Amino acid sequence: MTDRGAETIAWRDYLGVATGLLRWSPAAFWAATPHEFWAAIEARRRAYGKATAPPPSDDEIQAIRRRHAGG
């Protein structure tokens, strides 16, 4: 078979998005069609937006440490 400009599919990256971001099981990822995968990505973007949360402030970090100090 010859390579006619075909791109390599980054399966590991897509699996990471599905299991980490979408919280799918690996079996759900491998059972999904590409349409289902991209529809889920788009739905998440619409639901949560593209913005990321700001990092916690020093006071918030200290409060977290106090809550979990005995753990």
PDB file of N, CA and C in Angstrom:
ATOM      1  N   MET A   1       0.833  -1.174   0.000  1.00  0.00           N
ATOM      2  CA  MET A   1       0.000   0.000   0.000  1.00  0.00           C
ATOM      3  C   MET A   1       0.877   1.237   0.000  1.00  0.00           C
ATOM      4  N   THR A   2       0.513   2.211  -0.768  1.00  0.00           N
ATOM      5  CA  THR A   2       1.293   3.440  -0.828  1.00  0.00           C
ATOM      6  C   THR A   2       0.649   4.515   0.028  1.00  0.00           C
ATOM      7  N   ASP A   3       1.466   5.412   0.506  1.00  0.00           N
ATOM      8  CA  ASP A   3       0.981   6.540   1.303  1.00  0.00           C
ATOM      9  C   ASP A   3       0.614   7.661   0.355  1.00  0.00           C
ATOM     10  N   ARG A   4      -0.645   8.015   0.309  1.00  0.00           N
ATOM     11  CA  ARG A   4      -1.116   9.082  -0.577  1.00  0.00           C
ATOM     12  C   ARG A   4      -1.426  10.341   0.219  1.00  0.00           C
ATOM     13  N   GLY A   5      -0.515  10.695   1.103  1.00  0.00           N
ATOM     14  CA  GLY A   5      -0.717  11.888   1.901  1.00  0.00           C
ATOM     15  C   GLY A   5      -1.588  11.653   3.124  1.00  0.00           C
ATOM     16  N   ALA A   6      -1.834  10.401   3.431  1.00  0.00           N
ATOM     17  CA  ALA A   6      -2.662  10.091   4.597  1.00  0.00           C
ATOM     18  C   ALA A   6      -1.939  10.532   5.869  1.00  0.00           C
ATOM     19  N   GLU A   7      -2.705  11.102   6.773  1.00  0.00           N
ATOM     20  CA  GLU A   7      -2.149  11.535   8.039  1.00  0.00           C
ATOM     21  C   GLU A   7      -2.253  10.411   9.058  1.00  0.00           C
ATOM     22  N   THR A   8      -1.292  10.361   9.963  1.00  0.00           N
ATOM     23  CA  THR A   8      -1.337   9.395  11.044  1.00  0.00           C
ATOM     24  C   THR A   8      -2.385   9.845  12.053  1.00  0.00           C
ATOM     25  N   ILE A   9      -3.227   8.932  12.480  1.00  0.00           N
ATOM     26  CA  ILE A   9      -4.255   9.251  13.462  1.00  0.00           C
ATOM     27  C   ILE A   9      -3.647   9.138  14.856  1.00  0.00           C
ATOM     28  N   ALA A  10      -3.838  10.142  15.652  1.00  0.00           N
ATOM     29  CA  ALA A  10      -3.274  10.185  17.001  1.00  0.00           C
ATOM     30  C   ALA A  10      -4.222   9.482  17.971  1.00  0.00           C
ATOM     31  N   TRP A  11      -4.321   8.152  17.846  1.00  0.00           N
ATOM     32  CA  TRP A  11      -5.267   7.386  18.664  1.00  0.00           C
ATOM     33  C   TRP A  11      -5.038   7.603  20.154  1.00  0.00           C
ATOM     34  N   ARG A  12      -3.788   7.639  20.568  1.00  0.00           N
ATOM     35  CA  ARG A  12      -3.485   7.802  21.994  1.00  0.00           C
ATOM     36  C   ARG A  12      -4.017   9.142  22.508  1.00  0.00           C
ATOM     37  N   ASP A  13      -3.862  10.193  21.728  1.00  0.00           N
ATOM     38  CA  ASP A  13      -4.372  11.509  22.119  1.00  0.00           C
ATOM     39  C   ASP A  13      -5.896  11.500  22.183  1.00  0.00           C
ATOM     40  N   TYR A  14      -6.539  10.914  21.184  1.00  0.00           N
ATOM     41  CA  TYR A  14      -8.003  10.848  21.175  1.00  0.00           C
ATOM     42  C   TYR A  14      -8.515  10.018  22.350  1.00  0.00           C
ATOM     43  N   LEU A  15      -7.851   8.914  22.640  1.00  0.00           N
ATOM     44  CA  LEU A  15      -8.240   8.085  23.786  1.00  0.00           C
ATOM     45  C   LEU A  15      -8.091   8.877  25.082  1.00  0.00           C
ATOM     46  N   GLY A  16      -7.030   9.664  25.185  1.00  0.00           N
ATOM     47  CA  GLY A  16      -6.825  10.496  26.370  1.00  0.00           C
ATOM     48  C   GLY A  16      -7.927  11.528  26.546  1.00  0.00           C
ATOM     49  N   VAL A  17      -8.358  12.129  25.457  1.00  0.00           N
ATOM     50  CA  VAL A  17      -9.461  13.097  25.524  1.00  0.00           C
ATOM     51  C   VAL A  17     -10.742  12.387  25.955  1.00  0.00           C
ATOM     52  N   ALA A  18     -11.003  11.239  25.360  1.00  0.00           N
ATOM     53  CA  ALA A  18     -12.238  10.509  25.675  1.00  0.00           C
ATOM     54  C   ALA A  18     -12.272  10.057  27.131  1.00  0.00           C
ATOM     55  N   THR A  19     -11.170   9.507  27.624  1.00  0.00           N
ATOM     56  CA  THR A  19     -11.172   8.994  28.990  1.00  0.00           C
ATOM     57  C   THR A  19     -10.951  10.079  30.029  1.00  0.00           C
ATOM     58  N   GLY A  20     -10.169  11.096  29.701  1.00  0.00           N
ATOM     59  CA  GLY A  20      -9.888  12.150  30.664  1.00  0.00           C
ATOM     60  C   GLY A  20     -10.903  13.273  30.661  1.00  0.00           C
ATOM     61  N   LEU A  21     -11.182  13.821  29.506  1.00  0.00           N
ATOM     62  CA  LEU A  21     -12.068  14.979  29.401  1.00  0.00           C
ATOM     63  C   LEU A  21     -13.538  14.576  29.393  1.00  0.00           C
ATOM     64  N   LEU A  22     -13.867  13.567  28.606  1.00  0.00           N
ATOM     65  CA  LEU A  22     -15.261  13.140  28.491  1.00  0.00           C
ATOM     66  C   LEU A  22     -15.655  12.108  29.542  1.00  0.00           C
ATOM     67  N   ARG A  23     -14.660  11.522  30.191  1.00  0.00           N
ATOM     68  CA  ARG A  23     -14.877  10.496  31.226  1.00  0.00           C
ATOM     69  C   ARG A  23     -15.523   9.225  30.674  1.00  0.00           C
ATOM     70  N   TRP A  24     -15.198   8.901  29.427  1.00  0.00           N
ATOM     71  CA  TRP A  24     -15.664   7.662  28.820  1.00  0.00           C
ATOM     72  C   TRP A  24     -14.744   6.530  29.253  1.00  0.00           C
ATOM     73  N   SER A  25     -15.261   5.323  29.270  1.00  0.00           N
ATOM     74  CA  SER A  25     -14.402   4.154  29.464  1.00  0.00           C
ATOM     75  C   SER A  25     -13.676   3.907  28.142  1.00  0.00           C
ATOM     76  N   PRO A  26     -12.534   3.206  28.183  1.00  0.00           N
ATOM     77  CA  PRO A  26     -11.879   2.862  26.918  1.00  0.00           C
ATOM     78  C   PRO A  26     -12.813   2.091  25.979  1.00  0.00           C
ATOM     79  N   ALA A  27     -13.627   1.203  26.544  1.00  0.00           N
ATOM     80  CA  ALA A  27     -14.550   0.431  25.701  1.00  0.00           C
ATOM     81  C   ALA A  27     -15.549   1.347  25.000  1.00  0.00           C
ATOM     82  N   ALA A  28     -16.033   2.378  25.703  1.00  0.00           N
ATOM     83  CA  ALA A  28     -16.969   3.320  25.083  1.00  0.00           C
ATOM     84  C   ALA A  28     -16.290   4.080  23.950  1.00  0.00           C
ATOM     85  N   PHE A  29     -15.031   4.468  24.157  1.00  0.00           N
ATOM     86  CA  PHE A  29     -14.295   5.157  23.096  1.00  0.00           C
ATOM     87  C   PHE A  29     -14.168   4.286  21.856  1.00  0.00           C
ATOM     88  N   TRP A  30     -13.714   3.048  22.037  1.00  0.00           N
ATOM     89  CA  TRP A  30     -13.486   2.181  20.890  1.00  0.00           C
ATOM     90  C   TRP A  30     -14.793   1.781  20.212  1.00  0.00           C
ATOM     91  N   ALA A  31     -15.917   1.817  20.936  1.00  0.00           N
ATOM     92  CA  ALA A  31     -17.212   1.476  20.346  1.00  0.00           C
ATOM     93  C   ALA A  31     -17.849   2.666  19.614  1.00  0.00           C
ATOM     94  N   ALA A  32     -17.400   3.877  19.928  1.00  0.00           N
ATOM     95  CA  ALA A  32     -17.998   5.085  19.346  1.00  0.00           C
ATOM     96  C   ALA A  32     -17.547   5.288  17.902  1.00  0.00           C
ATOM     97  N   THR A  33     -18.420   5.889  17.129  1.00  0.00           N
ATOM     98  CA  THR A  33     -18.049   6.288  15.779  1.00  0.00           C
ATOM     99  C   THR A  33     -17.328   7.636  15.863  1.00  0.00           C
ATOM    100  N   PRO A  34     -16.576   8.003  14.830  1.00  0.00           N
ATOM    101  CA  PRO A  34     -15.965   9.344  14.839  1.00  0.00           C
ATOM    102  C   PRO A  34     -17.011  10.447  15.001  1.00  0.00           C
ATOM    103  N   HIS A  35     -18.175  10.281  14.388  1.00  0.00           N
ATOM    104  CA  HIS A  35     -19.240  11.277  14.525  1.00  0.00           C
ATOM    105  C   HIS A  35     -19.658  11.421  15.990  1.00  0.00           C
ATOM    106  N   GLU A  36     -19.825  10.319  16.690  1.00  0.00           N
ATOM    107  CA  GLU A  36     -20.220  10.359  18.106  1.00  0.00           C
ATOM    108  C   GLU A  36     -19.143  11.030  18.956  1.00  0.00           C
ATOM    109  N   PHE A  37     -17.891  10.710  18.680  1.00  0.00           N
ATOM    110  CA  PHE A  37     -16.781  11.293  19.427  1.00  0.00           C
ATOM    111  C   PHE A  37     -16.759  12.809  19.271  1.00  0.00           C
ATOM    112  N   TRP A  38     -16.810  13.294  18.025  1.00  0.00           N
ATOM    113  CA  TRP A  38     -16.740  14.738  17.793  1.00  0.00           C
ATOM    114  C   TRP A  38     -18.005  15.443  18.253  1.00  0.00           C
ATOM    115  N   ALA A  39     -19.147  14.777  18.188  1.00  0.00           N
ATOM    116  CA  ALA A  39     -20.378  15.373  18.711  1.00  0.00           C
ATOM    117  C   ALA A  39     -20.268  15.567  20.219  1.00  0.00           C
ATOM    118  N   ALA A  40     -19.666  14.612  20.914  1.00  0.00           N
ATOM    119  CA  ALA A  40     -19.480  14.740  22.359  1.00  0.00           C
ATOM    120  C   ALA A  40     -18.516  15.873  22.698  1.00  0.00           C
ATOM    121  N   ILE A  41     -17.457  16.018  21.909  1.00  0.00           N
ATOM    122  CA  ILE A  41     -16.508  17.114  22.127  1.00  0.00           C
ATOM    123  C   ILE A  41     -17.213  18.456  21.936  1.00  0.00           C
ATOM    124  N   GLU A  42     -17.973  18.586  20.862  1.00  0.00           N
ATOM    125  CA  GLU A  42     -18.681  19.840  20.595  1.00  0.00           C
ATOM    126  C   GLU A  42     -19.717  20.142  21.675  1.00  0.00           C
ATOM    127  N   ALA A  43     -20.421  19.133  22.151  1.00  0.00           N
ATOM    128  CA  ALA A  43     -21.411  19.337  23.207  1.00  0.00           C
ATOM    129  C   ALA A  43     -20.745  19.813  24.492  1.00  0.00           C
ATOM    130  N   ARG A  44     -19.589  19.264  24.801  1.00  0.00           N
ATOM    131  CA  ARG A  44     -18.874  19.689  26.000  1.00  0.00           C
ATOM    132  C   ARG A  44     -18.407  21.139  25.863  1.00  0.00           C
ATOM    133  N   ARG A  45     -17.922  21.491  24.697  1.00  0.00           N
ATOM    134  CA  ARG A  45     -17.495  22.876  24.467  1.00  0.00           C
ATOM    135  C   ARG A  45     -18.655  23.851  24.652  1.00  0.00           C
ATOM    136  N   ARG A  46     -19.821  23.489  24.121  1.00  0.00           N
ATOM    137  CA  ARG A  46     -20.992  24.355  24.276  1.00  0.00           C
ATOM    138  C   ARG A  46     -21.416  24.447  25.739  1.00  0.00           C
ATOM    139  N   ALA A  47     -21.345  23.341  26.457  1.00  0.00           N
ATOM    140  CA  ALA A  47     -21.794  23.310  27.851  1.00  0.00           C
ATOM    141  C   ALA A  47     -20.851  24.056  28.777  1.00  0.00           C
ATOM    142  N   TYR A  48     -19.549  23.906  28.563  1.00  0.00           N
ATOM    143  CA  TYR A  48     -18.569  24.451  29.499  1.00  0.00           C
ATOM    144  C   TYR A  48     -17.761  25.619  28.946  1.00  0.00           C
ATOM    145  N   GLY A  49     -17.907  25.914  27.692  1.00  0.00           N
ATOM    146  CA  GLY A  49     -17.130  26.995  27.101  1.00  0.00           C
ATOM    147  C   GLY A  49     -15.678  26.602  26.930  1.00  0.00           C
ATOM    148  N   LYS A  50     -14.938  27.488  26.330  1.00  0.00           N
ATOM    149  CA  LYS A  50     -13.522  27.214  26.060  1.00  0.00           C
ATOM    150  C   LYS A  50     -12.617  27.819  27.112  1.00  0.00           C
ATOM    151  N   ALA A  51     -13.162  28.688  27.959  1.00  0.00           N
ATOM    152  CA  ALA A  51     -12.336  29.357  28.963  1.00  0.00           C
ATOM    153  C   ALA A  51     -11.955  28.374  30.070  1.00  0.00           C
ATOM    154  N   THR A  52     -10.805  28.587  30.616  1.00  0.00           N
ATOM    155  CA  THR A  52     -10.366  27.774  31.736  1.00  0.00           C
ATOM    156  C   THR A  52     -10.498  28.583  33.017  1.00  0.00           C
ATOM    157  N   ALA A  53     -10.613  27.891  34.118  1.00  0.00           N
ATOM    158  CA  ALA A  53     -10.741  28.562  35.405  1.00  0.00           C
ATOM    159  C   ALA A  53      -9.392  29.160  35.794  1.00  0.00           C
ATOM    160  N   PRO A  54      -9.421  30.285  36.484  1.00  0.00           N
ATOM    161  CA  PRO A  54      -8.155  30.860  36.956  1.00  0.00           C
ATOM    162  C   PRO A  54      -7.548  29.968  38.032  1.00  0.00           C
ATOM    163  N   PRO A  55      -6.247  30.024  38.228  1.00  0.00           N
ATOM    164  CA  PRO A  55      -5.634  29.210  39.281  1.00  0.00           C
ATOM    165  C   PRO A  55      -6.115  29.675  40.644  1.00  0.00           C
ATOM    166  N   PRO A  56      -6.103  28.772  41.641  1.00  0.00           N
ATOM    167  CA  PRO A  56      -6.547  29.178  42.981  1.00  0.00           C
ATOM    168  C   PRO A  56      -5.603  30.222  43.571  1.00  0.00           C
ATOM    169  N   SER A  57      -6.188  31.090  44.386  1.00  0.00           N
ATOM    170  CA  SER A  57      -5.379  32.117  45.061  1.00  0.00           C
ATOM    171  C   SER A  57      -4.617  31.471  46.221  1.00  0.00           C
ATOM    172  N   ASP A  58      -3.675  32.214  46.790  1.00  0.00           N
ATOM    173  CA  ASP A  58      -2.930  31.717  47.953  1.00  0.00           C
ATOM    174  C   ASP A  58      -3.874  31.390  49.103  1.00  0.00           C
ATOM    175  N   ASP A  59      -4.881  32.242  49.320  1.00  0.00           N
ATOM    176  CA  ASP A  59      -5.847  31.992  50.395  1.00  0.00           C
ATOM    177  C   ASP A  59      -6.635  30.707  50.158  1.00  0.00           C
ATOM    178  N   GLU A  60      -7.028  30.464  48.897  1.00  0.00           N
ATOM    179  CA  GLU A  60      -7.755  29.235  48.578  1.00  0.00           C
ATOM    180  C   GLU A  60      -6.880  28.002  48.779  1.00  0.00           C
ATOM    181  N   ILE A  61      -5.627  28.100  48.424  1.00  0.00           N
ATOM    182  CA  ILE A  61      -4.703  26.975  48.624  1.00  0.00           C
ATOM    183  C   ILE A  61      -4.536  26.691  50.109  1.00  0.00           C
ATOM    184  N   GLN A  62      -4.395  27.728  50.904  1.00  0.00           N
ATOM    185  CA  GLN A  62      -4.259  27.546  52.360  1.00  0.00           C
ATOM    186  C   GLN A  62      -5.513  26.913  52.943  1.00  0.00           C
ATOM    187  N   ALA A  63      -6.684  27.324  52.494  1.00  0.00           N
ATOM    188  CA  ALA A  63      -7.937  26.758  52.985  1.00  0.00           C
ATOM    189  C   ALA A  63      -8.023  25.269  52.640  1.00  0.00           C
ATOM    190  N   ILE A  64      -7.606  24.901  51.443  1.00  0.00           N
ATOM    191  CA  ILE A  64      -7.592  23.494  51.033  1.00  0.00           C
ATOM    192  C   ILE A  64      -6.635  22.714  51.925  1.00  0.00           C
ATOM    193  N   ARG A  65      -5.479  23.244  52.183  1.00  0.00           N
ATOM    194  CA  ARG A  65      -4.491  22.566  53.046  1.00  0.00           C
ATOM    195  C   ARG A  65      -5.047  22.356  54.438  1.00  0.00           C
ATOM    196  N   ARG A  66      -5.733  23.370  54.982  1.00  0.00           N
ATOM    197  CA  ARG A  66      -6.316  23.231  56.334  1.00  0.00           C
ATOM    198  C   ARG A  66      -7.385  22.148  56.361  1.00  0.00           C
ATOM    199  N   ARG A  67      -8.217  22.094  55.319  1.00  0.00           N
ATOM    200  CA  ARG A  67      -9.285  21.088  55.273  1.00  0.00           C
ATOM    201  C   ARG A  67      -8.735  19.674  55.189  1.00  0.00           C
ATOM    202  N   HIS A  68      -7.603  19.505  54.549  1.00  0.00           N
ATOM    203  CA  HIS A  68      -7.057  18.166  54.322  1.00  0.00           C
ATOM    204  C   HIS A  68      -5.792  17.890  55.128  1.00  0.00           C
ATOM    205  N   ALA A  69      -5.561  18.648  56.174  1.00  0.00           N
ATOM    206  CA  ALA A  69      -4.331  18.509  56.950  1.00  0.00           C
ATOM    207  C   ALA A  69      -4.221  17.166  57.657  1.00  0.00           C
ATOM    208  N   GLY A  70      -5.317  16.610  58.118  1.00  0.00           N
ATOM    209  CA  GLY A  70      -5.274  15.362  58.879  1.00  0.00           C
ATOM    210  C   GLY A  70      -5.276  14.115  58.021  1.00  0.00           C
ATOM    211  N   GLY A  71      -5.496  14.261  56.702  1.00  0.00           N
ATOM    212  CA  GLY A  71      -5.680  13.122  55.796  1.00  0.00           C
ATOM    213  C   GLY A  71      -4.458  12.369  55.550  1.00  0.00           C
TER     214      GLY A  71
END
